[in-house]
Amino acid sequence: MDTKQKDNQYIMHTYGRYDVALASGKGAVAYDEDGKRYIDVSSGIGVNSLGYCDEGWVKAVCAQAATIQHMSNYFYSKQPSDLAEKLCSLSGMAKVCFGNSGAEANECAIKVARKYSFDKYGADRNGIITLRNSFHGRTVTTLSATGQDVFHNYFFPFTEGFSFVEANDIGALEAALSDKTCAVMLEVIQGEGGVNILDKEYVQKLCELCQSRDILVIIDEVQTGVGRTGKLFAYEHYGVKPDLVTVAKGLGGGLPIGLCMCGEKLRDVMSPSTHGTTFGANPVVCAGANYVLDTVSKPGFLEAVEEKGAYLEQRLRAIDGVKNVRRMGLMIGIEIDGDAHALAVKCVENGLLIITAKELLRMLPPLTITMEEIDEAVELLAKTIKE
């Protein structure tokens, strides 16, 4: 059997796959098992932030794998300690808790928020408000936190304590807050929800309102973090300072990582045995993440991300059939006439790896994509729309 046949035979069908088996890649270019070339503007859903097989990233990962590949979290390790220091220094946060995915990072943030409120106010102050159209993960608890009814099925009973309000409606949020609320959790750009960019004034008022009531603000930066939007973290565009920030996807550069960062007042909330992970803070993964963070934080790198994003938006808006473009940095949603998924399938057939978000096409290209590769991607999309 070939790769596709084995997949269909032995792997649970939890993803509707495109008809491609990828074999290798470099930068923004990938090749399938038959040698066909593709421009990839999906980056493994925003994970391959430096593209495929960046030489420095590969060297850092291989060097650590040849030194020590894993250790128990009962022991100290240089790679995660260095990474935590850099993250806190760059973000102004106080401490980091490591995990392996965005869902795990959000689970950790939920636990920190509830424990903070338990310690200070008692067990009944545990409610968390999230936004309609949000997406926070696929574990039972993060599905419960996700503000989309379509995800609230099959896996009953769901975790209690979550309620939902419409985004950009500060009146609805204020009405929903109560003496039982311990946190508000949000993405400043709802990625899976359709690349919905929240209003700056709304996010600022939300943070002010929560701060006045000692309600924690959790910002989910799983998809938006680590340079994706032209800032290290998307919340920087809004001029706010959250209490908890979750990070995953692009930080690892292709290896699984997730983490929760907390502000100063939460630095001592968690204690031994209140949370844990076997693989979190893995030194090989953290070696790759250190390289990604060092690269993204170099002078001029984030400015280049914004320049590329602005250029890509300009090129996209000129395509016949593109109705609108939602963009921040290199996080892009493309409104089109017709079925976005069907068009994405045709794009893949034509050599462009692209994904969707709700009724939109979605681009999350490598942050290192070149202008020439952007031109090629736009031409492939324009050709496919015209067909």
Protein backbone atom coordinates (compact mmCIF):
# COMPACT_ATOMS: atom_id res chain seq x y z
CA MET A 1 0.00 0.00 0.00
CA ASP A 2 1.14 3.56 -0.64
CA THR A 3 1.08 6.38 1.91
CA LYS A 4 -2.50 7.47 1.21
CA GLN A 5 -3.84 3.91 1.34
CA LYS A 6 -2.07 3.21 4.65
CA ASP A 7 -3.41 6.47 6.07
CA ASN A 8 -6.98 5.62 5.11
CA GLN A 9 -6.58 2.08 6.44
CA TYR A 10 -4.90 2.74 9.76
CA ILE A 11 -5.35 6.37 10.85
CA MET A 12 -8.62 7.64 12.37
CA HIS A 13 -10.40 9.89 9.90
CA THR A 14 -10.38 13.08 11.98
CA TYR A 15 -9.15 15.28 9.10
CA GLY A 16 -10.53 15.70 5.60
CA ARG A 17 -7.22 15.46 3.78
CA TYR A 18 -6.24 17.05 0.50
CA ASP A 19 -5.09 14.52 -2.08
CA VAL A 20 -1.37 15.18 -1.53
CA ALA A 21 1.36 13.24 0.29
CA LEU A 22 4.17 15.67 1.05
CA ALA A 23 7.71 14.32 1.10
CA SER A 24 10.10 17.26 1.49
CA GLY A 25 10.33 21.03 1.65
CA LYS A 26 12.59 24.06 1.85
CA GLY A 27 11.42 27.51 2.84
CA ALA A 28 7.96 28.12 1.37
CA VAL A 29 8.32 25.35 -1.22
CA ALA A 30 7.18 21.74 -0.71
CA TYR A 31 7.36 18.62 -2.87
CA ASP A 32 5.06 15.62 -2.86
CA GLU A 33 6.05 11.97 -3.21
CA ASP A 34 5.81 12.27 -6.99
CA GLY A 35 8.14 15.28 -7.05
CA LYS A 36 5.46 17.87 -7.79
CA ARG A 37 6.34 21.37 -6.53
CA TYR A 38 4.03 23.51 -4.38
CA ILE A 39 4.11 27.00 -2.89
CA ASP A 40 2.93 26.61 0.71
CA VAL A 41 1.04 29.55 2.20
CA SER A 42 -0.39 27.46 5.06
CA SER A 43 2.80 26.66 7.05
CA GLY A 44 1.20 23.63 8.68
CA ILE A 45 -1.55 25.96 9.98
CA GLY A 46 0.93 28.63 11.04
CA VAL A 47 3.48 26.26 12.58
CA ASN A 48 6.43 26.39 10.18
CA SER A 49 7.13 30.03 10.96
CA LEU A 50 10.57 29.95 9.31
CA GLY A 51 9.40 27.67 6.52
CA TYR A 52 10.50 24.12 5.86
CA CYS A 53 13.90 23.01 7.14
CA ASP A 54 15.50 26.37 7.92
CA GLU A 55 19.21 25.57 8.16
CA GLY A 56 19.81 27.27 11.51
CA TRP A 57 16.72 25.67 13.03
CA VAL A 58 17.74 22.21 11.79
CA LYS A 59 21.24 22.68 13.20
CA ALA A 60 19.91 23.76 16.62
CA VAL A 61 17.47 20.84 16.84
CA CYS A 62 20.00 18.24 15.68
CA ALA A 63 22.68 19.50 18.06
CA GLN A 64 20.33 19.21 21.02
CA ALA A 65 19.02 15.80 19.91
CA ALA A 66 22.61 14.56 19.88
CA THR A 67 23.22 15.94 23.39
CA ILE A 68 20.18 14.95 25.45
CA GLN A 69 16.77 14.41 23.89
CA HIS A 70 14.49 14.28 26.94
CA MET A 71 14.54 14.47 30.68
CA SER A 72 11.99 14.45 33.46
CA ASN A 73 10.72 17.82 34.60
CA TYR A 74 12.07 16.92 38.03
CA PHE A 75 15.43 18.13 36.72
CA TYR A 76 16.61 21.52 35.51
CA SER A 77 17.30 21.99 31.80
CA LYS A 78 19.08 24.82 29.99
CA GLN A 79 16.97 25.03 26.81
CA PRO A 80 13.56 25.68 28.46
CA SER A 81 15.16 27.97 31.07
CA ASP A 82 16.73 30.06 28.31
CA LEU A 83 13.47 30.11 26.35
CA ALA A 84 11.43 31.18 29.37
CA GLU A 85 13.87 33.99 30.13
CA LYS A 86 13.69 35.30 26.56
CA LEU A 87 9.90 35.12 26.45
CA CYS A 88 9.49 36.96 29.72
CA SER A 89 12.07 39.57 28.77
CA LEU A 90 10.48 40.23 25.38
CA SER A 91 6.87 40.21 26.58
CA GLY A 92 7.13 41.70 30.06
CA MET A 93 5.43 38.65 31.55
CA ALA A 94 6.70 37.03 34.76
CA LYS A 95 6.70 33.24 34.40
CA VAL A 96 6.09 30.45 31.88
CA CYS A 97 4.45 27.02 32.14
CA PHE A 98 5.32 24.59 29.35
CA GLY A 99 3.12 22.11 27.50
CA ASN A 100 2.87 20.56 24.04
CA SER A 101 0.03 22.26 22.16
CA GLY A 102 -2.28 25.23 22.02
CA ALA A 103 -5.07 23.32 23.72
CA GLU A 104 -2.75 22.38 26.58
CA ALA A 105 -1.61 25.99 26.89
CA ASN A 106 -5.23 27.12 27.15
CA GLU A 107 -6.03 24.38 29.67
CA CYS A 108 -3.16 25.68 31.79
CA ALA A 109 -4.40 29.27 31.56
CA ILE A 110 -7.89 28.17 32.63
CA LYS A 111 -6.43 26.33 35.62
CA VAL A 112 -4.26 29.29 36.65
CA ALA A 113 -7.23 31.66 36.44
CA ARG A 114 -9.50 29.41 38.47
CA LYS A 115 -6.87 28.70 41.10
CA TYR A 116 -6.07 32.40 41.50
CA SER A 117 -9.75 33.10 42.07
CA PHE A 118 -10.16 30.07 44.36
CA ASP A 119 -7.23 31.17 46.53
CA LYS A 120 -8.49 34.75 46.80
CA TYR A 121 -12.28 34.51 46.62
CA GLY A 122 -13.30 30.88 47.16
CA ALA A 123 -14.53 27.99 45.04
CA ASP A 124 -17.67 29.65 43.61
CA ARG A 125 -15.85 32.34 41.62
CA ASN A 126 -14.94 30.15 38.63
CA GLY A 127 -16.88 31.41 35.60
CA ILE A 128 -15.01 32.19 32.40
CA ILE A 129 -16.49 34.27 29.60
CA THR A 130 -15.32 33.73 26.02
CA LEU A 131 -16.42 35.25 22.72
CA ARG A 132 -18.81 33.91 20.13
CA ASN A 133 -16.96 32.49 17.13
CA SER A 134 -13.84 31.79 19.19
CA PHE A 135 -11.75 28.64 19.02
CA HIS A 136 -9.57 27.49 21.92
CA GLY A 137 -8.81 23.81 21.28
CA ARG A 138 -10.17 20.29 20.95
CA THR A 139 -9.90 18.84 24.45
CA VAL A 140 -13.21 18.59 26.28
CA THR A 141 -12.49 21.69 28.37
CA THR A 142 -11.15 23.84 25.52
CA LEU A 143 -14.07 22.76 23.33
CA SER A 144 -16.29 23.92 26.20
CA ALA A 145 -14.49 27.27 26.10
CA THR A 146 -14.93 27.57 22.34
CA GLY A 147 -17.76 29.92 21.41
CA GLN A 148 -19.16 27.92 18.49
CA ASP A 149 -22.22 25.72 18.99
CA VAL A 150 -21.09 23.32 16.27
CA PHE A 151 -18.34 22.06 18.59
CA HIS A 152 -20.67 21.45 21.53
CA ASN A 153 -21.89 18.01 20.54
CA TYR A 154 -21.07 14.28 20.90
CA PHE A 155 -18.73 14.52 23.90
CA PHE A 156 -21.16 15.15 26.76
CA PRO A 157 -20.89 16.16 29.51
CA PHE A 158 -18.89 19.25 28.66
CA THR A 159 -16.89 21.16 31.27
CA GLU A 160 -19.06 23.61 33.18
CA GLY A 161 -18.39 27.25 33.91
CA PHE A 162 -18.13 28.81 30.44
CA SER A 163 -20.45 31.43 28.92
CA PHE A 164 -20.29 33.38 25.68
CA VAL A 165 -20.86 36.93 24.47
CA GLU A 166 -20.69 38.58 21.06
CA ALA A 167 -17.35 40.12 20.14
CA ASN A 168 -17.01 43.92 19.91
CA ASP A 169 -20.07 44.47 22.14
CA ILE A 170 -18.80 45.90 25.41
CA GLY A 171 -22.34 46.25 26.75
CA ALA A 172 -22.95 42.52 26.34
CA LEU A 173 -19.71 41.75 28.16
CA GLU A 174 -20.47 44.09 31.04
CA ALA A 175 -23.94 42.57 31.41
CA ALA A 176 -22.44 39.06 31.51
CA LEU A 177 -19.86 39.81 34.21
CA SER A 178 -20.87 38.78 37.73
CA ASP A 179 -19.39 38.03 41.13
CA LYS A 180 -18.92 34.47 39.83
CA THR A 181 -16.63 35.51 36.95
CA CYS A 182 -12.92 34.83 37.33
CA ALA A 183 -11.66 35.48 33.78
CA VAL A 184 -12.41 36.58 30.24
CA MET A 185 -10.68 34.63 27.49
CA LEU A 186 -10.31 35.89 23.92
CA GLU A 187 -8.35 35.87 20.68
CA VAL A 188 -7.72 39.38 19.38
CA ILE A 189 -7.92 37.80 15.92
CA GLN A 190 -10.31 34.87 15.68
CA GLY A 191 -8.34 32.65 13.31
CA GLU A 192 -10.44 29.50 12.99
CA GLY A 193 -13.53 31.69 13.31
CA GLY A 194 -12.79 33.47 10.02
CA VAL A 195 -9.83 35.81 10.62
CA ASN A 196 -12.04 38.25 12.53
CA ILE A 197 -9.93 41.15 13.81
CA LEU A 198 -11.34 42.63 17.02
CA ASP A 199 -11.79 46.39 17.42
CA LYS A 200 -8.98 48.08 19.33
CA GLU A 201 -11.33 50.19 21.45
CA TYR A 202 -13.32 47.09 22.44
CA VAL A 203 -10.24 45.16 23.57
CA GLN A 204 -8.97 48.14 25.56
CA LYS A 205 -12.31 48.66 27.29
CA LEU A 206 -12.57 44.92 27.99
CA CYS A 207 -9.20 44.96 29.73
CA GLU A 208 -10.06 48.10 31.72
CA LEU A 209 -13.36 46.63 32.83
CA CYS A 210 -11.78 43.36 33.94
CA GLN A 211 -8.89 45.05 35.72
CA SER A 212 -11.29 47.17 37.77
CA ARG A 213 -12.98 43.99 39.05
CA ASP A 214 -9.88 41.79 39.45
CA ILE A 215 -11.11 39.56 36.64
CA LEU A 216 -8.23 38.04 34.73
CA VAL A 217 -7.76 38.61 31.00
CA ILE A 218 -6.51 35.57 29.06
CA ILE A 219 -5.38 36.27 25.49
CA ASP A 220 -5.06 33.21 23.27
CA GLU A 221 -2.08 33.83 20.96
CA VAL A 222 -1.82 30.22 19.77
CA GLN A 223 -2.16 31.27 16.13
CA THR A 224 -1.32 34.98 16.32
CA GLY A 225 1.86 34.85 18.43
CA VAL A 226 5.57 34.86 17.63
CA GLY A 227 5.58 37.40 14.82
CA ARG A 228 2.57 36.24 12.81
CA THR A 229 0.90 39.67 12.91
CA GLY A 230 4.01 41.83 12.53
CA LYS A 231 4.43 42.19 16.29
CA LEU A 232 5.88 39.53 18.57
CA PHE A 233 2.37 39.15 20.03
CA ALA A 234 -0.86 40.42 18.51
CA TYR A 235 -2.02 42.06 21.76
CA GLU A 236 0.79 44.60 21.29
CA HIS A 237 -1.25 46.13 18.44
CA TYR A 238 -3.95 46.91 21.00
CA GLY A 239 -1.86 48.59 23.69
CA VAL A 240 -3.00 46.21 26.45
CA LYS A 241 -1.26 43.94 28.96
CA PRO A 242 -3.11 40.65 29.59
CA ASP A 243 -2.76 38.63 32.78
CA LEU A 244 -2.24 35.36 30.89
CA VAL A 245 -1.04 34.70 27.35
CA THR A 246 -1.05 31.33 25.61
CA VAL A 247 1.45 30.52 22.86
CA ALA A 248 2.01 27.49 20.59
CA LYS A 249 2.11 26.79 16.83
CA GLY A 250 4.80 29.05 15.31
CA LEU A 251 7.05 29.13 18.37
CA GLY A 252 8.34 25.59 17.82
CA GLY A 253 9.06 26.13 14.14
CA GLY A 254 7.68 22.67 13.36
CA LEU A 255 7.97 20.78 16.64
CA PRO A 256 5.11 20.54 19.17
CA ILE A 257 5.13 23.18 21.88
CA GLY A 258 2.56 25.09 23.91
CA LEU A 259 2.99 27.38 26.87
CA CYS A 260 1.16 29.72 29.17
CA MET A 261 2.77 32.98 30.32
CA CYS A 262 1.51 34.84 33.37
CA GLY A 263 1.91 38.36 34.73
CA GLU A 264 3.51 39.33 37.99
CA LYS A 265 0.47 38.91 40.26
CA LEU A 266 0.06 35.30 39.12
CA ARG A 267 3.68 34.20 39.31
CA ASP A 268 3.20 32.10 42.47
CA VAL A 269 -0.35 30.80 41.92
CA MET A 270 0.72 27.35 40.76
CA SER A 271 2.74 25.04 42.98
CA PRO A 272 4.14 21.50 42.61
CA SER A 273 1.45 18.97 41.60
CA THR A 274 -1.12 21.61 40.56
CA HIS A 275 -0.12 21.04 36.92
CA GLY A 276 2.27 18.85 34.99
CA THR A 277 3.35 17.40 31.67
CA THR A 278 5.63 14.56 30.63
CA PHE A 279 6.86 16.08 27.38
CA GLY A 280 6.45 19.81 28.04
CA ALA A 281 9.77 21.73 28.12
CA ASN A 282 11.41 19.01 26.02
CA PRO A 283 14.97 20.25 25.35
CA VAL A 284 14.96 19.39 21.62
CA VAL A 285 11.70 21.24 21.05
CA CYS A 286 12.91 24.18 23.13
CA ALA A 287 16.17 24.32 21.16
CA GLY A 288 14.10 24.83 18.01
CA ALA A 289 11.91 27.39 19.78
CA ASN A 290 14.96 29.30 21.01
CA TYR A 291 16.20 29.56 17.45
CA VAL A 292 12.80 30.73 16.19
CA LEU A 293 12.50 33.35 18.92
CA ASP A 294 16.06 34.59 18.37
CA THR A 295 15.34 34.92 14.65
CA VAL A 296 11.97 36.62 14.95
CA SER A 297 13.23 39.11 17.54
CA LYS A 298 16.17 40.29 15.41
CA PRO A 299 16.02 43.98 14.37
CA GLY A 300 14.01 44.45 11.20
CA PHE A 301 12.46 40.97 11.07
CA LEU A 302 8.97 41.96 12.23
CA GLU A 303 9.01 45.08 10.06
CA ALA A 304 9.68 42.80 7.09
CA VAL A 305 6.70 40.63 8.07
CA GLU A 306 4.44 43.68 7.91
CA GLU A 307 5.94 44.79 4.58
CA LYS A 308 5.33 41.35 3.08
CA GLY A 309 1.81 41.28 4.47
CA ALA A 310 0.95 44.69 3.04
CA TYR A 311 2.37 43.69 -0.35
CA LEU A 312 0.46 40.40 -0.35
CA GLU A 313 -2.78 42.19 0.56
CA GLN A 314 -2.27 44.66 -2.27
CA ARG A 315 -1.70 41.85 -4.77
CA LEU A 316 -4.70 39.87 -3.48
CA ARG A 317 -7.08 42.81 -3.71
CA ALA A 318 -6.21 43.18 -7.40
CA ILE A 319 -7.46 39.65 -8.23
CA ASP A 320 -10.84 39.44 -9.95
CA GLY A 321 -13.08 37.41 -7.68
CA VAL A 322 -11.55 38.57 -4.38
CA LYS A 323 -14.22 40.55 -2.50
CA ASN A 324 -12.21 41.57 0.55
CA VAL A 325 -9.04 40.83 2.49
CA ARG A 326 -8.80 40.68 6.29
CA ARG A 327 -5.19 41.02 7.38
CA MET A 328 -2.81 41.71 10.19
CA GLY A 329 0.82 41.02 9.33
CA LEU A 330 0.95 37.67 7.54
CA MET A 331 -2.34 36.40 8.99
CA ILE A 332 -4.75 36.74 6.09
CA GLY A 333 -8.37 35.89 5.34
CA ILE A 334 -9.64 36.21 1.76
CA GLU A 335 -13.34 36.70 1.05
CA ILE A 336 -14.40 35.23 -2.30
CA ASP A 337 -17.54 34.42 -4.20
CA GLY A 338 -18.34 30.72 -4.05
CA ASP A 339 -17.17 27.76 -2.00
CA ALA A 340 -13.80 28.45 -0.34
CA HIS A 341 -13.08 24.80 0.39
CA ALA A 342 -13.74 23.74 -3.19
CA LEU A 343 -11.46 26.52 -4.41
CA ALA A 344 -8.75 25.48 -1.94
CA VAL A 345 -8.87 21.93 -3.32
CA LYS A 346 -8.39 23.31 -6.84
CA CYS A 347 -5.52 25.52 -5.62
CA VAL A 348 -3.75 22.47 -4.24
CA GLU A 349 -4.19 20.70 -7.57
CA ASN A 350 -2.56 23.73 -9.23
CA GLY A 351 0.41 23.78 -6.85
CA LEU A 352 -0.71 26.18 -4.08
CA LEU A 353 -1.11 24.78 -0.56
CA ILE A 354 -3.78 26.94 1.07
CA ILE A 355 -6.35 26.42 3.82
CA THR A 356 -9.73 27.83 4.82
CA ALA A 357 -11.41 29.47 7.80
CA LYS A 358 -15.19 29.33 7.76
CA GLU A 359 -16.23 30.73 4.35
CA LEU A 360 -12.83 32.33 3.68
CA LEU A 361 -9.56 31.23 2.15
CA ARG A 362 -6.80 31.60 4.73
CA MET A 363 -3.12 32.30 4.25
CA LEU A 364 -0.55 31.81 7.02
CA PRO A 365 2.66 31.77 4.95
CA PRO A 366 6.11 31.32 6.45
CA LEU A 367 7.33 34.58 7.93
CA THR A 368 10.41 34.14 5.75
CA ILE A 369 8.49 33.90 2.46
CA THR A 370 10.11 35.94 -0.31
CA MET A 371 8.42 38.56 -2.48
CA GLU A 372 8.98 36.29 -5.48
CA GLU A 373 7.20 33.43 -3.71
CA ILE A 374 4.36 35.79 -2.81
CA ASP A 375 4.05 36.73 -6.49
CA GLU A 376 3.97 33.07 -7.47
CA ALA A 377 1.31 32.28 -4.85
CA VAL A 378 -0.88 35.18 -6.00
CA GLU A 379 -0.56 34.14 -9.65
CA LEU A 380 -1.57 30.57 -8.80
CA LEU A 381 -4.58 31.80 -6.84
CA ALA A 382 -5.65 34.17 -9.60
CA LYS A 383 -5.31 31.40 -12.18
CA THR A 384 -7.40 29.01 -10.06
CA ILE A 385 -10.17 31.55 -9.44
CA LYS A 386 -10.32 32.26 -13.19
CA GLU A 387 -10.68 28.58 -14.14
